[in-house]
Amino acid sequence: MIVTLQQAKDWLGITVATAAQDAALTGLIVRMQAVIERELDWYFDVARAVTEYFDGHERATLFLRQPPVDAEDVVVSTRTGVGYTDWEELILGTDYEVDQRKLIHASYWPYGGRNIKAEYQEGFTVPPGDIVQVLLESLEDRVITAAAAGATDSETLGDYSYNLGDVSAADLERAGSWSEVLNHWRRGRI
């Protein structure tokens, strides 16, 4: 999670909570983060291994889903051999370069279907502060809105209540002033 339970409790001013309330709030944090990641098409949590496959179209540039944590750790291979059954690892700096999300081949990526494989770590060593802020403020808005509506499927945490229902993109939009931040992170799907 990009926001810990303790960070959320501190933000909401919750000093005392039961284990069940902690579990419910943790679930809400996880769902809110999932909405943010789905809406923005980014993975914001700690680094995880990912493998992407690409079709080669005899162009020099391919785009990763997300910039790698460390460009030096990106491993790119292409299919070779009869029937394209073998993978040949390319050499970073000689055969290709990494620039943010771009995989740039020294000449062009060979033509073929799913014949290029990139393995790397996606995510963040430290989550982006603006995204953490959006999550915390969206969480706070969710708690306040649920308390004001007198939601029947809610729990009370100290002086706050929150709805245990579904979290949606509308929860992000209610964070109002964060549309500029969200738009900064939005990008076209590849």
C-alpha atoms as a PDB file:
ATOM      1  CA  MET A   1       0.000   0.000   0.000  1.00  0.00           C
ATOM      2  CA  ILE A   2       1.233   3.497  -0.768  1.00  0.00           C
ATOM      3  CA  VAL A   3      -0.459   4.765   2.398  1.00  0.00           C
ATOM      4  CA  THR A   4      -0.028   2.814   5.598  1.00  0.00           C
ATOM      5  CA  LEU A   5      -2.821   2.270   8.072  1.00  0.00           C
ATOM      6  CA  GLN A   6      -1.009   4.508  10.569  1.00  0.00           C
ATOM      7  CA  GLN A   7      -0.620   7.320   8.007  1.00  0.00           C
ATOM      8  CA  ALA A   8      -4.344   7.158   7.242  1.00  0.00           C
ATOM      9  CA  LYS A   9      -5.274   7.144  10.941  1.00  0.00           C
ATOM     10  CA  ASP A  10      -2.969  10.098  11.598  1.00  0.00           C
ATOM     11  CA  TRP A  11      -4.480  11.990   8.633  1.00  0.00           C
ATOM     12  CA  LEU A  12      -8.023  11.288   9.842  1.00  0.00           C
ATOM     13  CA  GLY A  13      -7.186  12.056  13.472  1.00  0.00           C
ATOM     14  CA  ILE A  14      -8.035   8.551  14.659  1.00  0.00           C
ATOM     15  CA  THR A  15      -6.265   7.708  17.907  1.00  0.00           C
ATOM     16  CA  VAL A  16      -8.182   4.635  19.054  1.00  0.00           C
ATOM     17  CA  ALA A  17      -9.585   1.874  16.848  1.00  0.00           C
ATOM     18  CA  THR A  18     -10.386  -1.809  17.224  1.00  0.00           C
ATOM     19  CA  ALA A  19      -8.724  -4.518  15.152  1.00  0.00           C
ATOM     20  CA  ALA A  20     -11.927  -4.826  13.102  1.00  0.00           C
ATOM     21  CA  GLN A  21     -11.948  -1.082  12.425  1.00  0.00           C
ATOM     22  CA  ASP A  22      -8.268  -1.206  11.426  1.00  0.00           C
ATOM     23  CA  ALA A  23      -9.022  -4.062   9.039  1.00  0.00           C
ATOM     24  CA  ALA A  24     -11.972  -2.186   7.531  1.00  0.00           C
ATOM     25  CA  LEU A  25      -9.927   1.004   7.067  1.00  0.00           C
ATOM     26  CA  THR A  26      -7.075  -1.017   5.524  1.00  0.00           C
ATOM     27  CA  GLY A  27      -9.571  -2.506   3.076  1.00  0.00           C
ATOM     28  CA  LEU A  28     -10.807   0.960   2.161  1.00  0.00           C
ATOM     29  CA  ILE A  29      -7.221   2.158   1.574  1.00  0.00           C
ATOM     30  CA  VAL A  30      -6.522  -0.843  -0.683  1.00  0.00           C
ATOM     31  CA  ARG A  31      -9.715  -0.253  -2.698  1.00  0.00           C
ATOM     32  CA  MET A  32      -9.032   3.487  -3.016  1.00  0.00           C
ATOM     33  CA  GLN A  33      -5.470   2.783  -4.243  1.00  0.00           C
ATOM     34  CA  ALA A  34      -6.811   0.241  -6.747  1.00  0.00           C
ATOM     35  CA  VAL A  35      -9.214   2.848  -8.154  1.00  0.00           C
ATOM     36  CA  ILE A  36      -6.401   5.378  -8.517  1.00  0.00           C
ATOM     37  CA  GLU A  37      -4.139   2.851 -10.241  1.00  0.00           C
ATOM     38  CA  ARG A  38      -6.910   1.647 -12.548  1.00  0.00           C
ATOM     39  CA  GLU A  39      -8.080   5.150 -13.476  1.00  0.00           C
ATOM     40  CA  LEU A  40      -4.564   6.418 -14.171  1.00  0.00           C
ATOM     41  CA  ASP A  41      -3.181   3.133 -15.590  1.00  0.00           C
ATOM     42  CA  TRP A  42      -0.151   3.291 -13.300  1.00  0.00           C
ATOM     43  CA  TYR A  43       1.242   1.019 -10.601  1.00  0.00           C
ATOM     44  CA  PHE A  44       2.292   3.259  -7.687  1.00  0.00           C
ATOM     45  CA  ASP A  45       3.342   0.709  -5.068  1.00  0.00           C
ATOM     46  CA  VAL A  46       6.765  -0.777  -4.305  1.00  0.00           C
ATOM     47  CA  ALA A  47       8.710  -2.245  -7.200  1.00  0.00           C
ATOM     48  CA  ARG A  48       7.514  -5.534  -8.683  1.00  0.00           C
ATOM     49  CA  ALA A  49       8.816  -7.655 -11.520  1.00  0.00           C
ATOM     50  CA  VAL A  50       6.945  -7.363 -14.794  1.00  0.00           C
ATOM     51  CA  THR A  51       7.359  -8.905 -18.241  1.00  0.00           C
ATOM     52  CA  GLU A  52       5.894  -7.256 -21.327  1.00  0.00           C
ATOM     53  CA  TYR A  53       5.708  -8.675 -24.834  1.00  0.00           C
ATOM     54  CA  PHE A  54       5.662  -6.523 -27.954  1.00  0.00           C
ATOM     55  CA  ASP A  55       5.033  -6.956 -31.668  1.00  0.00           C
ATOM     56  CA  GLY A  56       7.980  -5.791 -33.724  1.00  0.00           C
ATOM     57  CA  HIS A  57       6.971  -3.400 -36.501  1.00  0.00           C
ATOM     58  CA  GLU A  58      10.383  -2.428 -37.870  1.00  0.00           C
ATOM     59  CA  ARG A  59      10.338   0.864 -35.948  1.00  0.00           C
ATOM     60  CA  ALA A  60      13.066   2.124 -33.671  1.00  0.00           C
ATOM     61  CA  THR A  61      10.913   2.828 -30.573  1.00  0.00           C
ATOM     62  CA  LEU A  62       8.652   0.735 -28.360  1.00  0.00           C
ATOM     63  CA  PHE A  63       6.939   1.973 -25.187  1.00  0.00           C
ATOM     64  CA  LEU A  64       6.883   0.237 -21.827  1.00  0.00           C
ATOM     65  CA  ARG A  65       3.672   0.421 -19.826  1.00  0.00           C
ATOM     66  CA  GLN A  66       5.491   2.399 -17.150  1.00  0.00           C
ATOM     67  CA  PRO A  67       9.022   3.760 -16.665  1.00  0.00           C
ATOM     68  CA  PRO A  68      11.273   1.178 -15.001  1.00  0.00           C
ATOM     69  CA  VAL A  69      12.506   1.730 -11.444  1.00  0.00           C
ATOM     70  CA  ASP A  70      16.071   1.422 -12.777  1.00  0.00           C
ATOM     71  CA  ALA A  71      16.726   1.669 -16.531  1.00  0.00           C
ATOM     72  CA  GLU A  72      19.959  -0.298 -16.105  1.00  0.00           C
ATOM     73  CA  ASP A  73      17.961  -3.351 -14.992  1.00  0.00           C
ATOM     74  CA  VAL A  74      15.767  -3.603 -18.101  1.00  0.00           C
ATOM     75  CA  VAL A  75      16.424  -6.877 -19.927  1.00  0.00           C
ATOM     76  CA  VAL A  76      15.213  -7.070 -23.536  1.00  0.00           C
ATOM     77  CA  SER A  77      15.169 -10.220 -25.643  1.00  0.00           C
ATOM     78  CA  THR A  78      13.996 -11.050 -29.145  1.00  0.00           C
ATOM     79  CA  ARG A  79      12.784 -14.352 -30.561  1.00  0.00           C
ATOM     80  CA  THR A  80      15.214 -16.041 -32.882  1.00  0.00           C
ATOM     81  CA  GLY A  81      15.731 -19.411 -34.514  1.00  0.00           C
ATOM     82  CA  VAL A  82      13.488 -21.629 -36.571  1.00  0.00           C
ATOM     83  CA  GLY A  83       9.887 -21.027 -35.550  1.00  0.00           C
ATOM     84  CA  TYR A  84      11.012 -18.210 -33.247  1.00  0.00           C
ATOM     85  CA  THR A  85      11.259 -20.562 -30.274  1.00  0.00           C
ATOM     86  CA  ASP A  86      14.520 -19.274 -28.763  1.00  0.00           C
ATOM     87  CA  TRP A  87      15.048 -15.955 -26.967  1.00  0.00           C
ATOM     88  CA  GLU A  88      18.234 -13.965 -27.536  1.00  0.00           C
ATOM     89  CA  GLU A  89      19.079 -11.362 -24.908  1.00  0.00           C
ATOM     90  CA  LEU A  90      20.091  -7.999 -26.352  1.00  0.00           C
ATOM     91  CA  ILE A  91      22.844  -5.801 -24.944  1.00  0.00           C
ATOM     92  CA  LEU A  92      21.831  -2.556 -23.237  1.00  0.00           C
ATOM     93  CA  GLY A  93      23.823   0.364 -24.650  1.00  0.00           C
ATOM     94  CA  THR A  94      24.762  -1.545 -27.806  1.00  0.00           C
ATOM     95  CA  ASP A  95      21.514  -2.999 -29.179  1.00  0.00           C
ATOM     96  CA  TYR A  96      19.058  -0.722 -27.399  1.00  0.00           C
ATOM     97  CA  GLU A  97      18.677   2.146 -24.943  1.00  0.00           C
ATOM     98  CA  VAL A  98      16.069   2.961 -22.316  1.00  0.00           C
ATOM     99  CA  ASP A  99      14.714   6.514 -22.011  1.00  0.00           C
ATOM    100  CA  GLN A 100      11.867   6.731 -19.488  1.00  0.00           C
ATOM    101  CA  ARG A 101       9.200   4.489 -21.069  1.00  0.00           C
ATOM    102  CA  LYS A 102      10.953   4.287 -24.441  1.00  0.00           C
ATOM    103  CA  LEU A 103      12.887   1.240 -25.613  1.00  0.00           C
ATOM    104  CA  ILE A 104      14.993   2.574 -28.478  1.00  0.00           C
ATOM    105  CA  HIS A 105      16.653   0.033 -30.785  1.00  0.00           C
ATOM    106  CA  ALA A 106      19.999   0.888 -32.393  1.00  0.00           C
ATOM    107  CA  SER A 107      18.382   0.419 -35.828  1.00  0.00           C
ATOM    108  CA  TYR A 108      14.810  -0.998 -35.616  1.00  0.00           C
ATOM    109  CA  TRP A 109      12.921  -3.691 -33.758  1.00  0.00           C
ATOM    110  CA  PRO A 110      12.592  -6.838 -35.905  1.00  0.00           C
ATOM    111  CA  TYR A 111       9.207  -7.528 -37.440  1.00  0.00           C
ATOM    112  CA  GLY A 112       7.086 -10.220 -35.780  1.00  0.00           C
ATOM    113  CA  GLY A 113       4.253 -10.984 -33.391  1.00  0.00           C
ATOM    114  CA  ARG A 114       5.086 -10.954 -29.665  1.00  0.00           C
ATOM    115  CA  ASN A 115       8.722 -11.390 -30.643  1.00  0.00           C
ATOM    116  CA  ILE A 116      10.156  -8.821 -28.227  1.00  0.00           C
ATOM    117  CA  LYS A 117      10.209  -9.322 -24.466  1.00  0.00           C
ATOM    118  CA  ALA A 118      11.098  -6.698 -21.845  1.00  0.00           C
ATOM    119  CA  GLU A 119      11.639  -7.672 -18.204  1.00  0.00           C
ATOM    120  CA  TYR A 120      11.986  -4.955 -15.597  1.00  0.00           C
ATOM    121  CA  GLN A 121      10.840  -3.615 -12.235  1.00  0.00           C
ATOM    122  CA  GLU A 122       7.873  -1.242 -12.298  1.00  0.00           C
ATOM    123  CA  GLY A 123       6.686   0.831  -9.379  1.00  0.00           C
ATOM    124  CA  PHE A 124       8.332   3.292  -7.048  1.00  0.00           C
ATOM    125  CA  THR A 125      10.913   3.168  -4.281  1.00  0.00           C
ATOM    126  CA  VAL A 126       8.973   6.063  -2.701  1.00  0.00           C
ATOM    127  CA  PRO A 127       5.370   6.632  -3.814  1.00  0.00           C
ATOM    128  CA  PRO A 128       4.773  10.009  -5.524  1.00  0.00           C
ATOM    129  CA  GLY A 129       3.758  12.540  -2.887  1.00  0.00           C
ATOM    130  CA  ASP A 130       0.969  14.042  -4.975  1.00  0.00           C
ATOM    131  CA  ILE A 131      -0.641  10.617  -5.452  1.00  0.00           C
ATOM    132  CA  VAL A 132      -0.360   9.868  -1.722  1.00  0.00           C
ATOM    133  CA  GLN A 133      -2.043  13.223  -1.066  1.00  0.00           C
ATOM    134  CA  VAL A 134      -4.872  12.427  -3.508  1.00  0.00           C
ATOM    135  CA  LEU A 135      -5.419   9.074  -1.796  1.00  0.00           C
ATOM    136  CA  LEU A 136      -5.470  10.611   1.705  1.00  0.00           C
ATOM    137  CA  GLU A 137      -7.820  13.434   0.730  1.00  0.00           C
ATOM    138  CA  SER A 138     -10.098  11.069  -1.209  1.00  0.00           C
ATOM    139  CA  LEU A 139     -10.141   8.768   1.817  1.00  0.00           C
ATOM    140  CA  GLU A 140     -10.988  11.692   4.095  1.00  0.00           C
ATOM    141  CA  ASP A 141     -13.732  12.833   1.725  1.00  0.00           C
ATOM    142  CA  ARG A 142     -15.142   9.306   1.671  1.00  0.00           C
ATOM    143  CA  VAL A 143     -15.215   9.178   5.471  1.00  0.00           C
ATOM    144  CA  ILE A 144     -16.838  12.613   5.815  1.00  0.00           C
ATOM    145  CA  THR A 145     -19.388  11.947   3.040  1.00  0.00           C
ATOM    146  CA  ALA A 146     -20.388   8.614   4.576  1.00  0.00           C
ATOM    147  CA  ALA A 147     -20.749  10.191   8.013  1.00  0.00           C
ATOM    148  CA  ALA A 148     -22.898  13.051   6.641  1.00  0.00           C
ATOM    149  CA  ALA A 149     -25.114  10.636   4.692  1.00  0.00           C
ATOM    150  CA  GLY A 150     -25.623   8.403   7.711  1.00  0.00           C
ATOM    151  CA  ALA A 151     -24.601   5.379   5.670  1.00  0.00           C
ATOM    152  CA  THR A 152     -25.983   2.138   7.050  1.00  0.00           C
ATOM    153  CA  ASP A 153     -23.032   0.075   5.828  1.00  0.00           C
ATOM    154  CA  SER A 154     -20.414   2.073   7.691  1.00  0.00           C
ATOM    155  CA  GLU A 155     -18.200   1.796  10.725  1.00  0.00           C
ATOM    156  CA  THR A 156     -17.073   4.392  13.200  1.00  0.00           C
ATOM    157  CA  LEU A 157     -13.402   5.128  13.807  1.00  0.00           C
ATOM    158  CA  GLY A 158     -13.009   7.518  16.661  1.00  0.00           C
ATOM    159  CA  ASP A 159     -14.964  10.624  15.623  1.00  0.00           C
ATOM    160  CA  TYR A 160     -15.230   9.525  11.979  1.00  0.00           C
ATOM    161  CA  SER A 161     -17.434   7.104  10.099  1.00  0.00           C
ATOM    162  CA  TYR A 162     -16.917   5.672   6.651  1.00  0.00           C
ATOM    163  CA  ASN A 163     -18.860   3.675   4.115  1.00  0.00           C
ATOM    164  CA  LEU A 164     -17.668   0.140   3.435  1.00  0.00           C
ATOM    165  CA  GLY A 165     -19.295   0.133  -0.012  1.00  0.00           C
ATOM    166  CA  ASP A 166     -17.643   0.213  -3.391  1.00  0.00           C
ATOM    167  CA  VAL A 167     -15.031   2.830  -4.182  1.00  0.00           C
ATOM    168  CA  SER A 168     -15.184   4.413  -7.634  1.00  0.00           C
ATOM    169  CA  ALA A 169     -13.577   7.050  -9.819  1.00  0.00           C
ATOM    170  CA  ALA A 170     -16.210   9.475  -8.535  1.00  0.00           C
ATOM    171  CA  ASP A 171     -14.408   9.364  -5.177  1.00  0.00           C
ATOM    172  CA  LEU A 172     -11.320  10.778  -6.889  1.00  0.00           C
ATOM    173  CA  GLU A 173     -13.262  13.500  -8.659  1.00  0.00           C
ATOM    174  CA  ARG A 174     -14.724  14.662  -5.349  1.00  0.00           C
ATOM    175  CA  ALA A 175     -11.168  15.464  -4.325  1.00  0.00           C
ATOM    176  CA  GLY A 176     -11.840  18.487  -6.583  1.00  0.00           C
ATOM    177  CA  SER A 177      -8.606  20.423  -6.565  1.00  0.00           C
ATOM    178  CA  TRP A 178      -6.686  17.302  -7.564  1.00  0.00           C
ATOM    179  CA  SER A 179      -7.875  17.177 -11.165  1.00  0.00           C
ATOM    180  CA  GLU A 180      -4.607  18.807 -12.307  1.00  0.00           C
ATOM    181  CA  VAL A 181      -2.552  16.171 -10.494  1.00  0.00           C
ATOM    182  CA  LEU A 182      -4.686  13.344 -11.863  1.00  0.00           C
ATOM    183  CA  ASN A 183      -4.465  14.749 -15.382  1.00  0.00           C
ATOM    184  CA  HIS A 184      -0.679  14.927 -15.048  1.00  0.00           C
ATOM    185  CA  TRP A 185      -0.569  11.176 -14.384  1.00  0.00           C
ATOM    186  CA  ARG A 186      -3.212  10.208 -16.942  1.00  0.00           C
ATOM    187  CA  ARG A 187      -1.987   8.956 -20.264  1.00  0.00           C
ATOM    188  CA  GLY A 188      -3.362   7.148 -23.239  1.00  0.00           C
ATOM    189  CA  ARG A 189      -3.490   3.406 -22.861  1.00  0.00           C
ATOM    190  CA  ILE A 190      -1.047   1.515 -25.022  1.00  0.00           C
END
